[in-house]
Protein backbone atom coordinates (compact mmCIF):
# COMPACT_ATOMS: atom_id res chain seq x y z
CA UNK A 1 -33.90 -125.76 24.83
CA UNK A 2 -37.67 -125.55 24.85
CA UNK A 3 -39.47 -125.02 21.58
CA UNK A 4 -37.97 -123.12 18.71
CA UNK A 5 -35.61 -120.91 20.74
CA UNK A 6 -33.70 -121.42 24.00
CA UNK A 7 -35.60 -119.90 26.96
CA UNK A 8 -33.41 -116.76 27.27
CA UNK A 9 -33.79 -116.07 23.56
CA UNK A 10 -37.54 -116.65 23.60
CA UNK A 11 -37.80 -114.29 26.58
CA UNK A 12 -35.78 -111.54 24.87
CA UNK A 13 -37.87 -111.88 21.71
CA UNK A 14 -41.13 -111.78 23.69
CA UNK A 15 -39.96 -108.65 25.52
CA UNK A 16 -39.32 -107.07 22.11
CA UNK A 17 -42.89 -107.89 21.05
CA UNK A 18 -42.41 -111.11 19.07
CA UNK A 19 -44.81 -114.01 19.19
CA UNK A 20 -44.87 -117.14 17.00
CA UNK A 21 -48.32 -116.13 15.75
CA UNK A 22 -47.30 -112.56 14.91
CA UNK A 23 -46.27 -113.11 11.30
CA UNK A 24 -47.37 -110.30 8.96
CA UNK A 25 -46.88 -111.36 5.34
CA UNK A 26 -48.27 -108.06 4.02
CA UNK A 27 -45.57 -106.17 5.94
CA UNK A 28 -42.92 -108.55 4.58
CA UNK A 29 -43.94 -107.90 0.98
CA UNK A 30 -44.38 -104.14 1.47
CA UNK A 31 -41.00 -103.71 3.16
CA UNK A 32 -39.32 -105.79 0.45
CA UNK A 33 -40.79 -103.61 -2.30
CA UNK A 34 -39.81 -100.40 -0.52
CA UNK A 35 -36.24 -101.56 0.19
CA UNK A 36 -35.78 -102.89 -3.36
CA UNK A 37 -36.97 -99.53 -4.75
CA UNK A 38 -34.20 -97.63 -2.97
CA UNK A 39 -31.40 -96.86 -5.44
CA UNK A 40 -27.96 -95.34 -5.11
CA UNK A 41 -27.02 -92.31 -7.18
CA UNK A 42 -25.52 -94.77 -9.66
CA UNK A 43 -28.79 -96.68 -9.93
CA UNK A 44 -27.77 -99.78 -7.96
CA UNK A 45 -30.51 -101.32 -5.82
CA UNK A 46 -30.78 -103.87 -3.03
CA UNK A 47 -31.46 -107.42 -4.10
CA UNK A 48 -34.43 -108.90 -2.31
CA UNK A 49 -34.22 -112.54 -1.17
CA UNK A 50 -37.11 -114.74 -0.06
CA UNK A 51 -35.32 -115.17 3.28
CA UNK A 52 -35.41 -111.39 3.82
CA UNK A 53 -39.11 -111.17 2.99
CA UNK A 54 -39.81 -113.96 5.49
CA UNK A 55 -37.68 -112.21 8.13
CA UNK A 56 -39.52 -108.91 7.61
CA UNK A 57 -42.85 -110.73 7.95
CA UNK A 58 -41.96 -112.50 11.18
CA UNK A 59 -39.47 -110.25 12.94
CA UNK A 60 -39.78 -106.86 11.22
CA UNK A 61 -39.42 -103.93 13.57
CA UNK A 62 -38.20 -105.87 16.60
CA UNK A 63 -35.57 -104.21 18.74
CA UNK A 64 -34.03 -106.95 20.87
CA UNK A 65 -32.00 -106.03 23.94
CA UNK A 66 -30.45 -109.13 25.50
CA UNK A 67 -29.58 -109.33 29.17
CA UNK A 68 -26.76 -111.17 30.85
CA UNK A 69 -23.07 -111.69 30.29
CA UNK A 70 -23.09 -113.97 27.25
CA UNK A 71 -21.60 -117.38 26.67
CA UNK A 72 -18.44 -116.28 24.82
CA UNK A 73 -18.83 -112.55 24.15
CA UNK A 74 -21.20 -109.83 25.31
CA UNK A 75 -24.71 -110.30 23.92
CA UNK A 76 -25.56 -107.84 21.21
CA UNK A 77 -28.55 -105.56 20.83
CA UNK A 78 -30.10 -105.63 17.37
CA UNK A 79 -32.96 -103.96 15.51
CA UNK A 80 -34.55 -105.86 12.64
CA UNK A 81 -35.50 -102.91 10.48
CA UNK A 82 -33.95 -102.79 6.99
CA UNK A 83 -34.79 -99.11 6.59
CA UNK A 84 -32.09 -98.31 9.15
CA UNK A 85 -29.46 -99.68 6.75
CA UNK A 86 -31.00 -98.96 3.36
CA UNK A 87 -27.91 -96.91 2.41
CA UNK A 88 -25.83 -100.12 2.51
CA UNK A 89 -26.45 -101.10 -1.13
CA UNK A 90 -22.79 -100.94 -2.22
CA UNK A 91 -21.47 -102.51 0.98
CA UNK A 92 -23.82 -105.49 0.72
CA UNK A 93 -23.11 -105.86 -3.00
CA UNK A 94 -19.38 -106.23 -2.25
CA UNK A 95 -19.96 -108.95 0.33
CA UNK A 96 -22.50 -110.65 -1.94
CA UNK A 97 -19.85 -110.87 -4.64
CA UNK A 98 -17.36 -112.37 -2.18
CA UNK A 99 -19.76 -115.06 -0.92
CA UNK A 100 -21.31 -115.72 -4.32
CA UNK A 101 -24.89 -115.13 -3.21
CA UNK A 102 -27.23 -112.12 -3.23
CA UNK A 103 -27.67 -110.30 0.10
CA UNK A 104 -30.61 -108.34 1.48
CA UNK A 105 -30.50 -105.94 4.44
CA UNK A 106 -32.11 -107.02 7.72
CA UNK A 107 -31.28 -104.20 10.11
CA UNK A 108 -28.58 -103.10 12.48
CA UNK A 109 -26.61 -104.66 15.29
CA UNK A 110 -24.84 -103.10 18.25
CA UNK A 111 -26.77 -99.85 18.29
CA UNK A 112 -25.94 -99.13 14.67
CA UNK A 113 -22.33 -100.32 14.55
CA UNK A 114 -23.12 -103.33 12.36
CA UNK A 115 -25.24 -104.06 9.30
CA UNK A 116 -27.26 -107.29 9.45
CA UNK A 117 -27.91 -109.05 6.14
CA UNK A 118 -29.33 -112.34 4.89
CA UNK A 119 -28.45 -114.19 1.70
CA UNK A 120 -30.59 -116.22 -0.68
CA UNK A 121 -29.84 -119.40 1.30
CA UNK A 122 -31.00 -117.80 4.56
CA UNK A 123 -27.50 -117.40 6.01
CA UNK A 124 -27.06 -114.32 8.19
CA UNK A 125 -24.08 -111.98 8.31
CA UNK A 126 -23.06 -108.83 10.13
CA UNK A 127 -20.69 -106.25 8.66
CA UNK A 128 -19.03 -103.80 11.03
CA UNK A 129 -15.90 -101.69 11.41
CA UNK A 130 -13.88 -104.77 12.45
CA UNK A 131 -14.81 -106.95 9.49
CA UNK A 132 -17.48 -109.24 8.11
CA UNK A 133 -18.92 -112.01 10.27
CA UNK A 134 -20.99 -115.15 9.71
CA UNK A 135 -23.74 -115.27 12.36
CA UNK A 136 -25.61 -118.40 11.40
CA UNK A 137 -27.01 -120.77 8.80
CA UNK A 138 -30.45 -119.20 9.32
CA UNK A 139 -32.08 -116.33 11.16
CA UNK A 140 -33.00 -118.44 14.21
CA UNK A 141 -29.36 -119.43 14.69
CA UNK A 142 -28.19 -115.83 14.20
CA UNK A 143 -30.73 -114.43 16.67
CA UNK A 144 -29.79 -117.11 19.19
CA UNK A 145 -26.10 -116.27 18.82
CA UNK A 146 -26.64 -112.54 19.23
CA UNK A 147 -28.85 -112.93 22.31
CA UNK A 148 -26.72 -115.57 24.01
CA UNK A 149 -23.39 -113.93 23.17
CA UNK A 150 -21.94 -116.63 20.95
CA UNK A 151 -18.78 -115.77 19.02
CA UNK A 152 -19.54 -115.33 15.29
CA UNK A 153 -17.13 -116.63 12.68
CA UNK A 154 -14.92 -114.03 11.05
CA UNK A 155 -15.01 -114.10 7.27
CA UNK A 156 -11.87 -114.07 5.18
CA UNK A 157 -11.27 -112.00 2.05
CA UNK A 158 -12.54 -114.67 -0.31
CA UNK A 159 -15.94 -114.83 1.41
CA UNK A 160 -15.29 -117.98 3.44
CA UNK A 161 -15.39 -118.45 7.19
C-alpha cells in the first residue's frame, strides 16, 4: 500500500476525477442541506451525519469503475451521488433503527442495484435486493473493498454483522 489507498484503488479514484486536494466543503454543505430537505409524503426526511457531509465534500459526484477480477468477489462500480438515492428515506430509517445509529445516503452501488449509506460513526453500508451489508469502518475502507472486490459482511436482522 502506498499512501492513503492501495495503488489500484488510488488509480481507480484518479480515473474518476478524485485528487487528495479536491475537497469542496461548500459542495458538502450544499448537498447535505438539499438532501436533508427532501421529505417523503409522510414528512420523514433524511438524517444528515457529519461523515456524509465530509464524503460529499471529498468524493461527491465520483463514478468509480474498477477494473480487474477482484480479490474475493467481482469489484463493484459505484457512484457517490446521494441525489441518486434520495427516495431511500424509509429504507435507510429502517436500517438506522436496526444498527442504532442515524444513516445518511451516499449514492449507489452496482449500477443502481444497491444504496450506499454512512452512519454517524462513519461506518459504510450497502443495501440491495439480497440484504444489508457492512462495507467498512470508514469510507476509505469501503471504497477499497468495493474497488478491490473484497467480500462485505452480511448483516443480520438485529443490525449486527
